[in-house]
Amino acid sequence: LKGRTARLSQGDFKSEKVYDVSPLDVARQFEGAGIKRIHLVDLDGAKKGAIVNYPTLELIAGHTKLNINYSGGLHTDGDINKAFEFGAESITAATISVYNKDLFSSWIISYGREKIALGADSLQGVIRVGGWQKETKIKLLDHIEYFHQRGLKYIKTTDINRDGVLEGPAFELYADLIARFPDLRVFASGGVRSIDDIKKLQELGVYGVIFGRAYYEGKITNKDLERFLSA
């Protein structure tokens, strides 16, 4: 957010919390612990509806060897091309998948399944978009099914109730998704409190886990990550 490391709770910009560490320093800490990929969210971009924090993306891409999945404000081919130009390895898009399904579907084909992930974040099973500020009437499972039929491989999904509050991931949601879409690679996001939550998600069959606040506030440490990765 504005080039700084920040977290929101449940997508509420009034809950903004800025951490006294630069995005590049955070990225280097992750890289030092053995992490290979980070999920970089352009919160300004999500609010504006166009990519904003590409200088931060370029900085991290230029000073680390991390694979960067970029998200926030990706609504056009121009936005995606800009993300890739400034160093993204892949992107996650959410809002455009609601308002222009054909365009998002075309990205899966034109950029390839490895490059495009669907962000499908929900509140009580219903999709929210625009940095989670806007309600829709689209059910989460129906939304995923639509793009699953069109070749989707990666999905990042957050139970918004769990985001930024350290109350634990939505384990039942991820178990249901994996049972229904066994060939989808699911990234769990929201509510992660500790390395034990990550282990439990791994046991469920979740492909990857996105965490933020637990790391910034010392509940997940670099040593925790090193031990987990070495195992």
Protein backbone atom coordinates (compact mmCIF):
# COMPACT_ATOMS: atom_id res chain seq x y z
CA LEU A 1 0.00 0.00 0.00
CA LYS A 2 1.68 3.23 -1.24
CA GLY A 3 4.90 1.25 -1.60
CA ARG A 4 4.91 0.16 2.05
CA THR A 5 4.37 -3.24 3.67
CA ALA A 6 0.78 -3.21 4.91
CA ARG A 7 -2.06 -5.48 5.95
CA LEU A 8 -5.79 -4.99 6.07
CA SER A 9 -8.29 -6.99 8.10
CA GLN A 10 -11.14 -8.45 6.04
CA GLY A 11 -10.37 -6.04 3.19
CA ASP A 12 -11.25 -2.95 5.23
CA PHE A 13 -8.97 -0.04 4.28
CA LYS A 14 -9.82 1.65 7.59
CA SER A 15 -8.05 -1.26 9.30
CA GLU A 16 -4.78 -0.53 7.49
CA LYS A 17 -1.71 -1.54 9.46
CA VAL A 18 1.70 -0.55 8.11
CA TYR A 19 4.71 -2.58 9.21
CA ASP A 20 8.09 -0.98 9.79
CA VAL A 21 9.89 -3.11 7.22
CA SER A 22 10.11 -2.51 3.48
CA PRO A 23 8.53 -4.94 0.99
CA LEU A 24 12.02 -5.71 -0.36
CA ASP A 25 13.32 -6.53 3.12
CA VAL A 26 10.35 -8.84 3.74
CA ALA A 27 10.98 -10.54 0.40
CA ARG A 28 14.66 -11.02 1.25
CA GLN A 29 13.72 -12.51 4.63
CA PHE A 30 11.47 -15.02 2.90
CA GLU A 31 14.16 -15.84 0.35
CA GLY A 32 16.68 -16.34 3.15
CA ALA A 33 14.33 -18.83 4.83
CA GLY A 34 14.11 -20.89 1.64
CA ILE A 35 10.83 -19.58 0.26
CA LYS A 36 10.76 -19.66 -3.55
CA ARG A 37 7.52 -17.81 -4.33
CA ILE A 38 5.72 -14.80 -2.85
CA HIS A 39 2.24 -13.41 -3.35
CA LEU A 40 2.45 -9.62 -3.74
CA VAL A 41 -0.85 -7.76 -3.40
CA ASP A 42 -1.18 -4.27 -4.85
CA LEU A 43 -3.79 -2.90 -2.42
CA ASP A 44 -3.85 0.49 -4.15
CA GLY A 45 -4.38 -1.29 -7.46
CA ALA A 46 -7.22 -3.39 -6.06
CA LYS A 47 -8.98 -0.22 -4.92
CA LYS A 48 -8.27 1.77 -8.09
CA GLY A 49 -8.91 -1.03 -10.58
CA ALA A 50 -5.52 -0.64 -12.30
CA ILE A 51 -1.96 -1.68 -11.46
CA VAL A 52 -0.25 0.91 -9.20
CA ASN A 53 2.62 -0.57 -7.18
CA TYR A 54 4.68 -1.85 -10.12
CA PRO A 55 7.83 -0.05 -8.85
CA THR A 56 7.72 -2.31 -5.77
CA LEU A 57 7.29 -5.34 -8.02
CA GLU A 58 10.28 -4.26 -10.11
CA LEU A 59 12.39 -3.67 -6.99
CA ILE A 60 11.72 -7.15 -5.57
CA ALA A 61 12.16 -8.84 -8.95
CA GLY A 62 15.44 -7.02 -9.52
CA HIS A 63 16.97 -7.74 -6.11
CA THR A 64 15.80 -11.30 -5.36
CA LYS A 65 15.43 -14.58 -7.27
CA LEU A 66 11.89 -15.07 -6.00
CA ASN A 67 9.02 -16.02 -8.27
CA ILE A 68 6.42 -13.31 -7.75
CA ASN A 69 2.70 -13.86 -8.08
CA TYR A 70 1.18 -10.38 -8.48
CA SER A 71 -2.38 -9.42 -7.65
CA GLY A 72 -4.50 -6.29 -7.44
CA GLY A 73 -6.06 -4.11 -10.14
CA LEU A 74 -5.39 -6.42 -13.09
CA HIS A 75 -8.33 -5.66 -15.38
CA THR A 76 -6.84 -5.38 -18.88
CA ASP A 77 -4.26 -7.00 -21.12
CA GLY A 78 -2.22 -3.84 -20.57
CA ASP A 79 -2.26 -4.37 -16.78
CA ILE A 80 -1.12 -7.97 -17.11
CA ASN A 81 1.59 -7.11 -19.62
CA LYS A 82 2.82 -4.40 -17.24
CA ALA A 83 2.95 -6.89 -14.37
CA PHE A 84 4.96 -9.35 -16.45
CA GLU A 85 7.18 -6.56 -17.82
CA PHE A 86 8.12 -5.43 -14.30
CA GLY A 87 8.95 -8.91 -13.07
CA ALA A 88 5.87 -10.95 -12.16
CA GLU A 89 6.19 -14.69 -12.80
CA SER A 90 2.41 -15.16 -12.64
CA ILE A 91 -0.70 -13.16 -11.73
CA THR A 92 -3.86 -13.66 -9.71
CA ALA A 93 -6.97 -11.81 -10.88
CA ALA A 94 -10.34 -11.67 -9.17
CA THR A 95 -12.62 -8.73 -10.04
CA ILE A 96 -12.25 -9.08 -13.82
CA SER A 97 -13.36 -12.72 -13.57
CA VAL A 98 -16.76 -11.48 -12.36
CA TYR A 99 -17.25 -8.53 -14.71
CA ASN A 100 -15.70 -9.99 -17.86
CA LYS A 101 -15.64 -13.77 -17.71
CA ASP A 102 -14.75 -14.11 -21.38
CA LEU A 103 -11.67 -11.93 -21.00
CA PHE A 104 -10.41 -13.84 -17.98
CA SER A 105 -11.07 -17.15 -19.74
CA SER A 106 -9.06 -15.90 -22.73
CA TRP A 107 -6.11 -15.11 -20.44
CA ILE A 108 -5.93 -18.76 -19.33
CA ILE A 109 -5.52 -19.70 -22.99
CA SER A 110 -3.35 -16.84 -24.25
CA TYR A 111 -0.93 -16.56 -21.31
CA GLY A 112 -1.14 -20.22 -20.27
CA ARG A 113 -2.48 -22.10 -17.25
CA GLU A 114 0.79 -21.70 -15.35
CA LYS A 115 0.65 -17.90 -15.53
CA ILE A 116 -2.97 -17.15 -14.56
CA ALA A 117 -4.58 -17.89 -11.20
CA LEU A 118 -8.16 -17.12 -10.21
CA GLY A 119 -8.69 -15.13 -7.05
CA ALA A 120 -12.06 -16.24 -5.66
CA ASP A 121 -12.64 -14.67 -2.27
CA SER A 122 -15.94 -15.02 -0.50
CA LEU A 123 -17.98 -13.91 2.47
CA GLN A 124 -20.45 -16.55 3.64
CA GLY A 125 -20.00 -18.45 0.38
CA VAL A 126 -20.67 -15.44 -1.89
CA ILE A 127 -17.97 -13.81 -4.05
CA ARG A 128 -16.71 -10.31 -3.21
CA VAL A 129 -14.61 -8.16 -5.55
CA GLY A 130 -12.90 -4.78 -5.80
CA GLY A 131 -10.55 -5.37 -2.90
CA TRP A 132 -13.48 -7.13 -1.19
CA GLN A 133 -15.42 -3.87 -1.06
CA LYS A 134 -18.18 -4.90 -3.49
CA GLU A 135 -20.80 -7.59 -3.02
CA THR A 136 -21.96 -9.91 -5.78
CA LYS A 137 -24.67 -12.55 -5.92
CA ILE A 138 -22.32 -15.20 -7.30
CA LYS A 139 -21.81 -18.34 -5.26
CA LEU A 140 -18.17 -19.32 -4.74
CA LEU A 141 -18.49 -22.92 -5.97
CA ASP A 142 -20.43 -21.89 -9.09
CA HIS A 143 -17.77 -19.29 -9.91
CA ILE A 144 -14.94 -21.80 -9.57
CA GLU A 145 -16.80 -24.42 -11.59
CA TYR A 146 -17.24 -22.01 -14.51
CA PHE A 147 -13.50 -21.45 -14.92
CA HIS A 148 -12.59 -25.02 -14.01
CA GLN A 149 -14.47 -26.07 -17.14
CA ARG A 150 -12.36 -23.59 -19.12
CA GLY A 151 -8.96 -24.95 -18.15
CA LEU A 152 -8.21 -23.21 -14.85
CA LYS A 153 -5.36 -24.85 -12.89
CA TYR A 154 -4.63 -22.51 -9.94
CA ILE A 155 -7.03 -20.87 -7.52
CA LYS A 156 -6.41 -18.62 -4.52
CA THR A 157 -9.39 -18.44 -2.22
CA THR A 158 -9.96 -16.58 1.02
CA ASP A 159 -12.80 -16.82 3.50
CA ILE A 160 -12.94 -13.08 4.18
CA ASN A 161 -14.27 -13.63 7.70
CA ARG A 162 -10.91 -15.26 8.50
CA ASP A 163 -8.60 -12.70 6.92
CA GLY A 164 -6.23 -10.78 9.15
CA VAL A 165 -7.84 -11.89 12.41
CA LEU A 166 -5.64 -14.92 13.28
CA GLU A 167 -8.59 -17.19 14.05
CA GLY A 168 -7.50 -20.10 11.92
CA PRO A 169 -8.03 -21.00 8.25
CA ALA A 170 -11.35 -22.18 6.84
CA PHE A 171 -10.33 -25.84 6.89
CA GLU A 172 -13.78 -27.15 5.92
CA LEU A 173 -13.92 -24.84 2.90
CA TYR A 174 -10.59 -26.10 1.57
CA ALA A 175 -11.49 -29.74 2.23
CA ASP A 176 -14.73 -29.23 0.27
CA LEU A 177 -12.92 -27.53 -2.63
CA ILE A 178 -10.30 -30.27 -2.91
CA ALA A 179 -12.98 -32.97 -2.82
CA ARG A 180 -15.02 -31.25 -5.52
CA PHE A 181 -12.10 -30.14 -7.73
CA PRO A 182 -9.33 -32.69 -7.11
CA ASP A 183 -7.26 -31.54 -10.09
CA LEU A 184 -7.25 -27.85 -9.10
CA ARG A 185 -4.23 -26.52 -7.24
CA VAL A 186 -5.66 -24.60 -4.30
CA PHE A 187 -3.88 -21.78 -2.47
CA ALA A 188 -5.37 -21.20 0.98
CA SER A 189 -5.38 -17.66 2.32
CA GLY A 190 -6.67 -16.04 5.49
CA GLY A 191 -6.56 -16.86 9.18
CA VAL A 192 -3.21 -18.68 9.32
CA ARG A 193 -1.95 -18.46 12.91
CA SER A 194 1.07 -20.73 13.02
CA ILE A 195 3.18 -23.30 11.22
CA ASP A 196 0.79 -25.94 12.60
CA ASP A 197 -2.03 -24.44 10.54
CA ILE A 198 0.17 -24.73 7.45
CA LYS A 199 0.92 -28.38 8.26
CA LYS A 200 -2.79 -29.13 8.68
CA LEU A 201 -3.58 -27.47 5.34
CA GLN A 202 -0.84 -29.55 3.72
CA GLU A 203 -2.42 -32.70 5.16
CA LEU A 204 -5.76 -31.68 3.63
CA GLY A 205 -4.09 -31.55 0.21
CA VAL A 206 -3.86 -27.78 -0.17
CA TYR A 207 -1.23 -26.92 -2.81
CA GLY A 208 0.05 -23.72 -1.20
CA VAL A 209 -0.58 -21.37 1.70
CA ILE A 210 -0.53 -17.57 1.77
CA PHE A 211 0.09 -15.90 5.12
CA GLY A 212 0.92 -12.37 6.21
CA ARG A 213 -0.01 -11.04 9.62
CA ALA A 214 1.19 -14.14 11.50
CA TYR A 215 4.66 -13.60 10.02
CA TYR A 216 4.80 -9.85 10.60
CA GLU A 217 3.75 -10.32 14.22
CA GLY A 218 6.20 -13.15 14.97
CA LYS A 219 3.76 -16.06 15.19
CA ILE A 220 5.51 -17.69 12.22
CA THR A 221 9.29 -17.23 12.24
CA ASN A 222 12.04 -17.78 9.69
CA LYS A 223 13.20 -20.76 11.76
CA ASP A 224 9.67 -22.24 11.59
CA LEU A 225 9.74 -21.87 7.81
CA GLU A 226 13.23 -23.34 7.48
CA ARG A 227 12.26 -26.40 9.53
CA PHE A 228 9.03 -26.88 7.60
CA LEU A 229 10.75 -26.57 4.22
CA SER A 230 13.61 -28.89 5.16
CA ALA A 231 11.09 -31.55 6.23
